[in-house]
Protein backbone atom coordinates (compact mmCIF):
# COMPACT_ATOMS: atom_id res chain seq x y z
CA UNK A 1 -150.06 0.76 -104.00
CA UNK A 2 -153.41 1.11 -105.20
CA UNK A 3 -154.73 -1.51 -102.30
CA UNK A 4 -153.44 1.38 -99.97
CA UNK A 5 -154.33 4.40 -101.66
CA UNK A 6 -158.09 2.97 -101.66
CA UNK A 7 -158.40 2.29 -97.84
CA UNK A 8 -156.67 5.77 -97.18
CA UNK A 9 -159.58 7.25 -99.42
CA UNK A 10 -162.17 4.87 -97.62
CA UNK A 11 -160.63 5.93 -94.25
CA UNK A 12 -160.90 9.56 -95.16
CA UNK A 13 -164.00 9.50 -96.48
CA UNK A 14 -165.59 7.88 -93.56
CA UNK A 15 -163.64 10.81 -91.28
CA UNK A 16 -165.18 13.46 -93.92
CA UNK A 17 -168.99 11.75 -93.54
CA UNK A 18 -168.40 11.55 -89.23
CA UNK A 19 -167.44 15.37 -89.50
CA UNK A 20 -170.30 16.46 -91.76
CA UNK A 21 -172.87 14.86 -89.09
CA UNK A 22 -170.97 16.12 -86.33
CA UNK A 23 -171.03 19.77 -87.87
CA UNK A 24 -174.55 19.24 -89.15
CA UNK A 25 -175.81 18.77 -85.56
CA UNK A 26 -173.65 21.14 -84.32
CA UNK A 27 -175.36 23.55 -86.01
CA UNK A 28 -178.63 24.04 -84.80
CA UNK A 29 -177.16 24.58 -81.40
CA UNK A 30 -175.22 27.37 -82.13
CA UNK A 31 -177.88 29.31 -84.07
CA UNK A 32 -179.96 29.33 -80.90
CA UNK A 33 -177.34 29.79 -77.89
CA UNK A 34 -178.37 33.26 -77.69
CA UNK A 35 -174.44 34.48 -77.63
CA UNK A 36 -175.02 37.01 -80.35
CA UNK A 37 -178.33 38.56 -78.85
CA UNK A 38 -178.77 41.42 -76.79
CA UNK A 39 -178.87 40.67 -73.43
CA UNK A 40 -182.25 40.85 -71.54
CA UNK A 41 -180.50 42.98 -68.74
CA UNK A 42 -177.87 44.76 -69.27
CA UNK A 43 -175.36 47.52 -67.82
CA UNK A 44 -176.72 50.75 -70.11
CA UNK A 45 -174.68 53.70 -68.21
CA UNK A 46 -172.13 54.03 -65.49
CA UNK A 47 -170.94 57.21 -63.82
CA UNK A 48 -167.64 56.25 -62.71
CA UNK A 49 -166.11 59.47 -61.65
CA UNK A 50 -168.72 61.38 -59.29
CA UNK A 51 -169.08 65.37 -60.40
CA UNK A 52 -166.86 67.48 -58.11
CA UNK A 53 -164.55 66.64 -55.48
CA UNK A 54 -164.46 62.92 -54.81
CA UNK A 55 -164.56 62.72 -50.85
CA UNK A 56 -166.67 60.29 -48.62
CA UNK A 57 -169.74 62.51 -48.16
CA UNK A 58 -172.53 60.54 -49.18
CA UNK A 59 -173.52 63.08 -52.14
CA UNK A 60 -170.30 62.46 -53.60
CA UNK A 61 -170.57 58.50 -53.45
CA UNK A 62 -174.09 58.79 -54.78
CA UNK A 63 -172.93 60.90 -57.58
CA UNK A 64 -171.10 57.73 -59.22
CA UNK A 65 -173.62 54.93 -60.03
CA UNK A 66 -174.48 51.80 -62.64
CA UNK A 67 -177.41 51.79 -64.75
CA UNK A 68 -179.05 48.46 -65.52
CA UNK A 69 -181.53 48.31 -68.11
CA UNK A 70 -184.16 45.61 -68.76
CA UNK A 71 -184.41 45.23 -72.67
CA UNK A 72 -187.42 43.19 -72.62
CA UNK A 73 -191.49 43.98 -72.08
CA UNK A 74 -191.77 41.56 -68.88
CA UNK A 75 -190.50 42.87 -65.59
CA UNK A 76 -187.58 40.74 -64.16
CA UNK A 77 -186.91 39.72 -60.79
CA UNK A 78 -183.19 40.34 -60.12
CA UNK A 79 -183.18 38.66 -56.23
CA UNK A 80 -179.90 37.03 -55.83
CA UNK A 81 -178.12 38.93 -58.89
CA UNK A 82 -174.88 40.61 -58.07
CA UNK A 83 -172.83 43.80 -59.58
CA UNK A 84 -169.50 43.59 -59.17
CA UNK A 85 -166.13 45.75 -59.62
CA UNK A 86 -162.65 44.80 -60.60
CA UNK A 87 -161.51 44.96 -56.87
CA UNK A 88 -164.08 42.36 -55.91
CA UNK A 89 -167.00 45.04 -54.11
CA UNK A 90 -169.97 43.21 -54.05
CA UNK A 91 -173.56 44.46 -54.29
CA UNK A 92 -176.36 41.81 -54.32
CA UNK A 93 -179.88 42.37 -55.23
CA UNK A 94 -182.60 41.40 -52.98
CA UNK A 95 -186.62 41.33 -53.98
CA UNK A 96 -185.85 43.59 -56.95
CA UNK A 97 -188.06 44.03 -59.56
CA UNK A 98 -187.29 45.84 -62.83
CA UNK A 99 -189.97 46.66 -65.02
CA UNK A 100 -190.24 45.90 -68.88
CA UNK A 101 -188.12 48.60 -70.18
CA UNK A 102 -187.50 50.05 -67.69
CA UNK A 103 -183.77 51.39 -65.90
CA UNK A 104 -182.96 51.46 -62.63
CA UNK A 105 -179.91 53.08 -60.80
CA UNK A 106 -177.49 51.43 -58.83
CA UNK A 107 -176.01 54.53 -56.29
CA UNK A 108 -172.75 53.59 -54.13
CA UNK A 109 -173.57 55.74 -51.03
CA UNK A 110 -176.78 55.55 -48.88
CA UNK A 111 -180.25 56.62 -49.26
CA UNK A 112 -183.82 55.17 -49.58
CA UNK A 113 -184.35 52.50 -52.60
CA UNK A 114 -187.31 53.14 -54.74
CA UNK A 115 -188.46 51.92 -58.21
CA UNK A 116 -185.78 53.72 -60.01
CA UNK A 117 -182.87 54.25 -57.65
CA UNK A 118 -181.10 51.54 -55.43
CA UNK A 119 -177.92 52.40 -52.79
CA UNK A 120 -175.56 50.18 -51.80
CA UNK A 121 -174.97 51.85 -48.54
CA UNK A 122 -170.97 52.02 -48.89
CA UNK A 123 -168.65 54.53 -47.12
CA UNK A 124 -166.33 54.50 -50.04
CA UNK A 125 -165.84 54.91 -53.37
CA UNK A 126 -166.34 51.77 -55.62
CA UNK A 127 -165.86 52.20 -59.21
CA UNK A 128 -162.32 53.51 -59.94
CA UNK A 129 -162.37 56.42 -62.38
CA UNK A 130 -159.22 55.86 -64.93
CA UNK A 131 -160.44 52.40 -65.55
CA UNK A 132 -162.67 49.56 -64.04
CA UNK A 133 -165.31 46.62 -64.85
CA UNK A 134 -168.62 46.22 -63.90
CA UNK A 135 -169.64 42.66 -64.18
CA UNK A 136 -173.49 42.03 -63.91
CA UNK A 137 -174.05 38.33 -62.66
CA UNK A 138 -177.52 36.60 -62.64
CA UNK A 139 -178.75 34.44 -59.68
CA UNK A 140 -176.56 31.50 -60.82
CA UNK A 141 -173.49 32.98 -61.12
CA UNK A 142 -173.36 33.40 -64.81
CA UNK A 143 -172.01 36.97 -66.31
CA UNK A 144 -175.23 38.81 -67.88
CA UNK A 145 -173.11 41.49 -69.07
CA UNK A 146 -169.92 43.68 -68.30
CA UNK A 147 -168.89 47.50 -68.61
CA UNK A 148 -165.11 48.43 -69.20
CA UNK A 149 -163.64 51.37 -69.29
CA UNK A 150 -159.98 52.63 -69.29
CA UNK A 151 -157.15 50.17 -68.99
CA UNK A 152 -155.32 48.53 -66.21
CA UNK A 153 -151.92 48.28 -66.60
C-alpha cells in the first residue's frame, strides 16, 4: 500500500510542478496583453436620439452622432476602420487621421468632412434611440471599443 501511495505522491508532485512551470510561463503574457488598459482609440460619446422630431431631414440625421477620441499623444490613421450598429449598418473610415488627444464626431447624415466632423451620408437614422451598440473595429477587424445603451428584448 505504501508503494501505491508513494507513486501517487510522485505523480501528483510531477503534475503540480508542471502546472507551476506552465503558470509561471503564462503570467508575463497575461500581464502584458493590454486587456485591462484603456483603448488607444475609444468611443467617447454617443448622441443616438437626435434632438427634436426624428424625421429624415439632413438636420435630424446629423443630430445623431458618435464621438471617437484618440487617447494617445500620437496621431492615428483610421483608414479601413469601421463603426457599426447592432443592425449591421457600417461606416468605413477612409484616409482619416485623428490627432493625439483629439476627438472626431461621426454624423449620420450628409455634409463636408472636416478635421473634427465626418459624415456617413445616410438617408435614414442609424442609431436606435432606445437600445443599440456602437462597435469600433480596427483595419484588421479587431474590436477596439463598444458603447451599449438601453436593453434589447
